[in-house]
Amino acid sequence: MLNSDEQLHLQEILEWESTYFTKDNQSIFKGWKENETLQRFIKNTEQIKIPSKYLEQLEALMIQLQSMVQNERSEQVIWDKILRYAKVFNPDIHSINEMKKLTIDQQRFLSEQFMAKQRLIAVGQGSVTGLGGLLTISLDLPLLAAIQLRTIQQLALIHGYDLKNPIEQVIALKLFYLTTLPKPYQLESWQHLFAELEFQNEEHVFYDGQEHVFDQAWMGQLMKQMGKNIIIRFLRKRWIQGVPLFGVAIGAGVNYQLTKQVTEMAERFYQKRILLSKLHNNV
């Protein structure tokens, strides 16, 4: 059962759900949203039907990227840092699962410490992309995806979920998909993921939910990132004191907003997951 503080946190999350999925927080710059050429490009590309075999290849690439991000040495370094912070609140914590002993406020504090760095990394990567070089633009999408996967990895560890568990790897990948979806599709996917978790026993070796992760809806976000890169390339010639400031500003701004969106949704997801588990006496 939940104590009074946990009940308040769950109510807060439910109120967040009722407002977050209905407001438009996708626009970073007014001009970005009002740019008719860009919006026409995004709308037209969203209508393109991608053959299922290419979506399967995209999913395979994302799984490989996730595997690279979650390599054993990298995860151990991150876990060691998280553990040092966690022991300040509870010296008896020694394993990832024991992170669930922390209160939501304590987990939120840890999240703020680590997510500030992730946002800074995303801004830096976007700024470099904003310089407009062909190499940096071509690497933008995989690097940005890696940053978001690392963000979710850290939040999972902070909330006591071990991504060495194959089930948690699938859930993390589905969460990456959910948090990077275009806004109109997020609520349905959010509800669907929690519905899947209701039937998922964490002791199972295999995931019992929907097999495939990526679909046509996710391509909308991909097109927006491609649109960002097209604008950056176009603005490359607009230099101010030797620096393409417009391109840098757009690259940094879009990456910051996406990382903020991923961070907020992923943190709320793991918070709600813990609270629902406690509510049903599973923790």
Protein backbone atom coordinates (compact mmCIF):
# COMPACT_ATOMS: atom_id res chain seq x y z
CA MET A 1 0.00 0.00 0.00
CA LEU A 2 1.01 3.61 -0.46
CA ASN A 3 1.80 5.98 2.38
CA SER A 4 0.41 9.52 2.37
CA ASP A 5 3.38 11.03 0.52
CA GLU A 6 3.25 8.33 -2.14
CA GLN A 7 -0.48 8.87 -2.60
CA LEU A 8 0.20 12.57 -3.18
CA HIS A 9 2.91 11.74 -5.72
CA LEU A 10 0.59 9.36 -7.59
CA GLN A 11 -2.12 12.01 -7.67
CA GLU A 12 0.45 14.51 -8.97
CA ILE A 13 1.40 12.13 -11.79
CA LEU A 14 -2.25 11.58 -12.72
CA GLU A 15 -2.77 15.35 -12.86
CA TRP A 16 0.38 15.67 -14.98
CA GLU A 17 -1.04 13.09 -17.40
CA SER A 18 -4.28 15.04 -17.76
CA THR A 19 -2.43 18.19 -18.85
CA TYR A 20 0.82 17.05 -20.48
CA PHE A 21 -0.72 15.10 -23.34
CA THR A 22 -3.12 17.91 -24.26
CA LYS A 23 -0.76 20.87 -24.37
CA ASP A 24 1.50 21.74 -27.29
CA ASN A 25 5.10 21.93 -26.09
CA GLN A 26 6.70 20.84 -29.32
CA SER A 27 7.49 24.33 -30.63
CA ILE A 28 10.83 25.76 -29.61
CA PHE A 29 10.86 28.76 -31.85
CA LYS A 30 7.74 30.48 -33.13
CA GLY A 31 9.31 30.75 -36.56
CA TRP A 32 9.97 27.01 -36.61
CA LYS A 33 6.27 26.23 -36.26
CA GLU A 34 5.19 28.98 -38.64
CA ASN A 35 7.68 28.01 -41.36
CA GLU A 36 5.27 26.85 -44.07
CA THR A 37 7.95 25.15 -46.16
CA LEU A 38 9.20 23.09 -43.22
CA GLN A 39 5.69 22.20 -42.06
CA ARG A 40 4.75 21.15 -45.60
CA PHE A 41 7.87 18.98 -45.73
CA ILE A 42 7.02 17.30 -42.43
CA LYS A 43 3.37 16.80 -43.37
CA ASN A 44 4.24 15.27 -46.75
CA THR A 45 6.91 12.96 -45.35
CA GLU A 46 4.62 11.79 -42.54
CA GLN A 47 2.19 10.59 -45.21
CA ILE A 48 4.82 8.38 -46.83
CA LYS A 49 4.19 4.72 -46.07
CA ILE A 50 7.42 3.01 -45.11
CA PRO A 51 7.58 -0.70 -46.08
CA SER A 52 7.50 -2.98 -43.04
CA LYS A 53 10.87 -4.50 -43.90
CA TYR A 54 12.53 -1.08 -43.53
CA LEU A 55 10.80 -0.51 -40.20
CA GLU A 56 12.14 -3.88 -39.07
CA GLN A 57 15.64 -2.84 -40.17
CA LEU A 58 15.26 0.43 -38.26
CA GLU A 59 14.19 -1.50 -35.18
CA ALA A 60 17.19 -3.82 -35.51
CA LEU A 61 19.51 -0.80 -35.75
CA MET A 62 17.95 0.73 -32.62
CA ILE A 63 18.40 -2.54 -30.74
CA GLN A 64 22.06 -2.60 -31.77
CA LEU A 65 22.47 1.02 -30.70
CA GLN A 66 20.81 0.26 -27.37
CA SER A 67 23.17 -2.66 -26.88
CA MET A 68 26.17 -0.41 -27.53
CA VAL A 69 24.91 2.23 -25.09
CA GLN A 70 24.23 -0.39 -22.42
CA ASN A 71 27.55 -2.21 -22.66
CA GLU A 72 28.64 -3.75 -19.38
CA ARG A 73 31.56 -1.40 -18.67
CA SER A 74 29.55 1.74 -19.41
CA GLU A 75 26.62 0.61 -17.27
CA GLN A 76 28.93 -0.26 -14.37
CA VAL A 77 30.48 3.22 -14.44
CA ILE A 78 27.05 4.85 -14.38
CA TRP A 79 25.80 2.52 -11.64
CA ASP A 80 28.84 3.26 -9.46
CA LYS A 81 28.09 6.99 -9.69
CA ILE A 82 24.40 6.52 -8.93
CA LEU A 83 25.21 4.23 -6.00
CA ARG A 84 27.51 6.84 -4.41
CA TYR A 85 24.69 9.39 -4.50
CA ALA A 86 22.09 6.87 -3.28
CA LYS A 87 24.15 5.86 -0.25
CA VAL A 88 23.91 9.43 1.01
CA PHE A 89 20.19 8.80 1.53
CA ASN A 90 20.37 5.11 2.44
CA PRO A 91 23.73 3.44 3.27
CA ASP A 92 22.09 0.00 3.06
CA ILE A 93 21.58 0.19 -0.70
CA HIS A 94 23.91 -2.21 -2.53
CA SER A 95 21.98 -3.38 -5.61
CA ILE A 96 19.95 -1.84 -8.41
CA ASN A 97 16.69 -3.35 -7.16
CA GLU A 98 17.27 -1.81 -3.71
CA MET A 99 17.05 1.66 -5.31
CA LYS A 100 13.28 1.21 -4.94
CA LYS A 101 13.80 1.71 -1.19
CA LEU A 102 14.41 5.41 -1.84
CA THR A 103 11.49 7.80 -1.66
CA ILE A 104 10.15 9.43 -4.83
CA ASP A 105 11.65 12.75 -3.69
CA GLN A 106 15.07 11.16 -3.24
CA GLN A 107 14.88 9.50 -6.65
CA ARG A 108 13.79 12.81 -8.13
CA PHE A 109 16.84 14.51 -6.63
CA LEU A 110 19.13 11.89 -8.18
CA SER A 111 17.36 12.29 -11.52
CA GLU A 112 17.93 16.04 -11.49
CA GLN A 113 21.66 15.55 -10.88
CA PHE A 114 22.13 13.15 -13.78
CA MET A 115 19.61 14.61 -16.23
CA ALA A 116 21.18 18.08 -16.09
CA LYS A 117 24.30 16.55 -17.62
CA GLN A 118 22.28 14.72 -20.28
CA ARG A 119 20.59 17.95 -21.35
CA LEU A 120 23.97 19.66 -21.52
CA ILE A 121 25.36 16.85 -23.68
CA ALA A 122 22.35 17.10 -26.01
CA VAL A 123 22.78 20.87 -26.33
CA GLY A 124 26.48 20.44 -27.08
CA GLN A 125 25.79 17.80 -29.70
CA GLY A 126 23.09 19.96 -31.30
CA SER A 127 25.41 22.97 -31.33
CA VAL A 128 28.08 21.00 -33.16
CA THR A 129 25.48 19.77 -35.65
CA GLY A 130 24.43 23.40 -36.07
CA LEU A 131 27.82 24.21 -37.57
CA GLY A 132 26.41 22.61 -40.71
CA GLY A 133 29.17 20.20 -41.70
CA LEU A 134 28.13 17.14 -43.68
CA LEU A 135 29.82 14.79 -41.21
CA THR A 136 28.18 16.32 -38.13
CA ILE A 137 24.76 16.39 -39.79
CA SER A 138 25.04 12.77 -40.93
CA LEU A 139 25.94 11.70 -37.37
CA ASP A 140 23.20 13.79 -35.74
CA LEU A 141 20.41 11.19 -35.67
CA PRO A 142 22.40 8.23 -34.28
CA LEU A 143 24.15 10.43 -31.71
CA LEU A 144 20.88 12.01 -30.58
CA ALA A 145 19.26 8.58 -30.31
CA ALA A 146 22.21 7.35 -28.23
CA ILE A 147 21.84 10.32 -25.87
CA GLN A 148 18.14 9.59 -25.33
CA LEU A 149 18.76 5.87 -24.80
CA ARG A 150 21.45 6.72 -22.23
CA THR A 151 19.00 9.09 -20.54
CA ILE A 152 16.42 6.31 -20.17
CA GLN A 153 19.12 3.89 -19.01
CA GLN A 154 20.13 6.20 -16.16
CA LEU A 155 16.53 6.85 -15.10
CA ALA A 156 15.84 3.10 -15.07
CA LEU A 157 18.80 2.50 -12.75
CA ILE A 158 17.84 5.39 -10.47
CA HIS A 159 14.38 3.89 -10.03
CA GLY A 160 15.66 0.36 -9.42
CA TYR A 161 15.20 -1.35 -12.79
CA ASP A 162 18.13 -3.41 -14.08
CA LEU A 163 18.54 -3.23 -17.86
CA LYS A 164 20.57 -6.44 -17.84
CA ASN A 165 17.14 -8.04 -17.57
CA PRO A 166 15.93 -8.66 -21.17
CA ILE A 167 12.42 -7.60 -20.20
CA GLU A 168 13.69 -4.24 -18.97
CA GLN A 169 15.64 -3.77 -22.19
CA VAL A 170 12.45 -4.16 -24.21
CA ILE A 171 10.55 -1.81 -21.90
CA ALA A 172 13.34 0.78 -22.16
CA LEU A 173 13.27 0.57 -25.96
CA LYS A 174 9.48 0.95 -25.96
CA LEU A 175 9.88 3.93 -23.64
CA PHE A 176 12.38 5.48 -26.06
CA TYR A 177 9.84 5.01 -28.84
CA LEU A 178 7.06 6.50 -26.72
CA THR A 179 8.98 9.55 -25.53
CA THR A 180 10.19 10.45 -29.04
CA LEU A 181 6.81 10.03 -30.75
CA PRO A 182 5.01 13.04 -32.24
CA LYS A 183 2.67 14.50 -29.62
CA PRO A 184 -0.67 13.24 -31.06
CA TYR A 185 0.42 9.60 -30.65
CA GLN A 186 1.95 9.75 -27.17
CA LEU A 187 -1.11 9.32 -24.96
CA GLU A 188 -2.30 6.14 -26.67
CA SER A 189 1.20 4.63 -26.52
CA TRP A 190 1.59 5.69 -22.87
CA GLN A 191 -1.64 3.94 -21.91
CA HIS A 192 -0.80 0.90 -24.02
CA LEU A 193 2.60 0.44 -22.37
CA PHE A 194 1.10 0.50 -18.88
CA ALA A 195 -1.59 -1.92 -20.03
CA GLU A 196 1.14 -4.30 -21.19
CA LEU A 197 2.94 -3.98 -17.85
CA GLU A 198 -0.19 -5.09 -15.99
CA PHE A 199 0.18 -8.52 -17.59
CA GLN A 200 3.95 -8.68 -17.35
CA ASN A 201 5.56 -10.75 -14.60
CA GLU A 202 9.09 -9.48 -13.99
CA GLU A 203 10.28 -13.02 -13.33
CA HIS A 204 9.56 -14.02 -16.93
CA VAL A 205 12.56 -14.38 -19.21
CA PHE A 206 10.71 -13.21 -22.31
CA TYR A 207 8.57 -10.17 -22.85
CA ASP A 208 4.84 -10.93 -23.19
CA GLY A 209 3.79 -7.66 -24.81
CA GLN A 210 3.71 -6.46 -28.39
CA GLU A 211 6.73 -7.76 -30.31
CA HIS A 212 7.52 -4.82 -32.62
CA VAL A 213 8.36 -1.36 -31.30
CA PHE A 214 8.71 1.08 -34.19
CA ASP A 215 5.93 1.90 -36.64
CA GLN A 216 4.74 4.54 -39.12
CA ALA A 217 3.81 7.00 -36.36
CA TRP A 218 7.41 7.24 -35.13
CA MET A 219 8.57 8.35 -38.59
CA GLY A 220 6.99 11.75 -37.89
CA GLN A 221 9.63 12.47 -35.24
CA LEU A 222 12.35 11.23 -37.58
CA MET A 223 11.11 13.61 -40.27
CA LYS A 224 11.20 16.53 -37.83
CA GLN A 225 14.82 15.78 -37.03
CA MET A 226 15.59 15.57 -40.74
CA GLY A 227 13.80 18.88 -41.22
CA LYS A 228 15.99 20.38 -38.51
CA ASN A 229 19.10 19.20 -40.33
CA ILE A 230 17.87 20.60 -43.66
CA ILE A 231 17.36 24.02 -42.07
CA ILE A 232 20.77 23.84 -40.40
CA ARG A 233 22.37 23.04 -43.74
CA PHE A 234 20.52 25.96 -45.34
CA LEU A 235 21.59 28.36 -42.57
CA ARG A 236 25.22 27.27 -42.77
CA LYS A 237 26.01 30.24 -44.99
CA ARG A 238 24.55 32.75 -42.53
CA TRP A 239 27.60 33.53 -40.45
CA ILE A 240 27.89 36.05 -37.64
CA GLN A 241 31.48 36.80 -36.68
CA GLY A 242 32.61 33.55 -38.27
CA VAL A 243 29.99 31.33 -36.58
CA PRO A 244 26.67 30.07 -38.08
CA LEU A 245 24.73 31.21 -35.01
CA PHE A 246 21.27 30.52 -36.43
CA GLY A 247 22.16 26.92 -37.21
CA VAL A 248 23.80 26.45 -33.81
CA ALA A 249 20.76 27.92 -32.04
CA ILE A 250 18.32 25.64 -33.87
CA GLY A 251 20.47 22.53 -33.38
CA ALA A 252 20.95 23.20 -29.67
CA GLY A 253 17.34 24.24 -29.10
CA VAL A 254 15.70 21.27 -30.80
CA ASN A 255 17.99 18.79 -29.06
CA TYR A 256 17.40 20.41 -25.67
CA GLN A 257 13.64 20.30 -26.11
CA LEU A 258 13.63 16.65 -27.19
CA THR A 259 15.90 15.63 -24.30
CA LYS A 260 13.71 17.56 -21.86
CA GLN A 261 10.66 15.76 -23.24
CA VAL A 262 12.30 12.33 -22.99
CA THR A 263 13.55 13.04 -19.46
CA GLU A 264 10.20 14.27 -18.16
CA MET A 265 8.16 11.43 -19.63
CA ALA A 266 10.64 8.67 -18.72
CA GLU A 267 10.95 9.90 -15.13
CA ARG A 268 7.17 10.06 -14.75
CA PHE A 269 6.89 6.58 -16.28
CA TYR A 270 9.24 4.96 -13.77
CA GLN A 271 7.73 6.89 -10.86
CA LYS A 272 4.22 5.75 -11.76
CA ARG A 273 5.43 2.21 -12.34
CA ILE A 274 6.93 2.00 -8.84
CA LEU A 275 3.87 3.54 -7.20
CA LEU A 276 1.46 1.22 -9.02
CA SER A 277 3.60 -1.76 -8.01
CA LYS A 278 3.47 -0.68 -4.37
CA LEU A 279 -0.25 -0.06 -4.64
CA HIS A 280 -0.72 -3.67 -5.70
CA ASN A 281 1.77 -4.95 -3.10
CA ASN A 282 4.35 -6.01 -5.68
CA VAL A 283 7.23 -4.07 -4.08
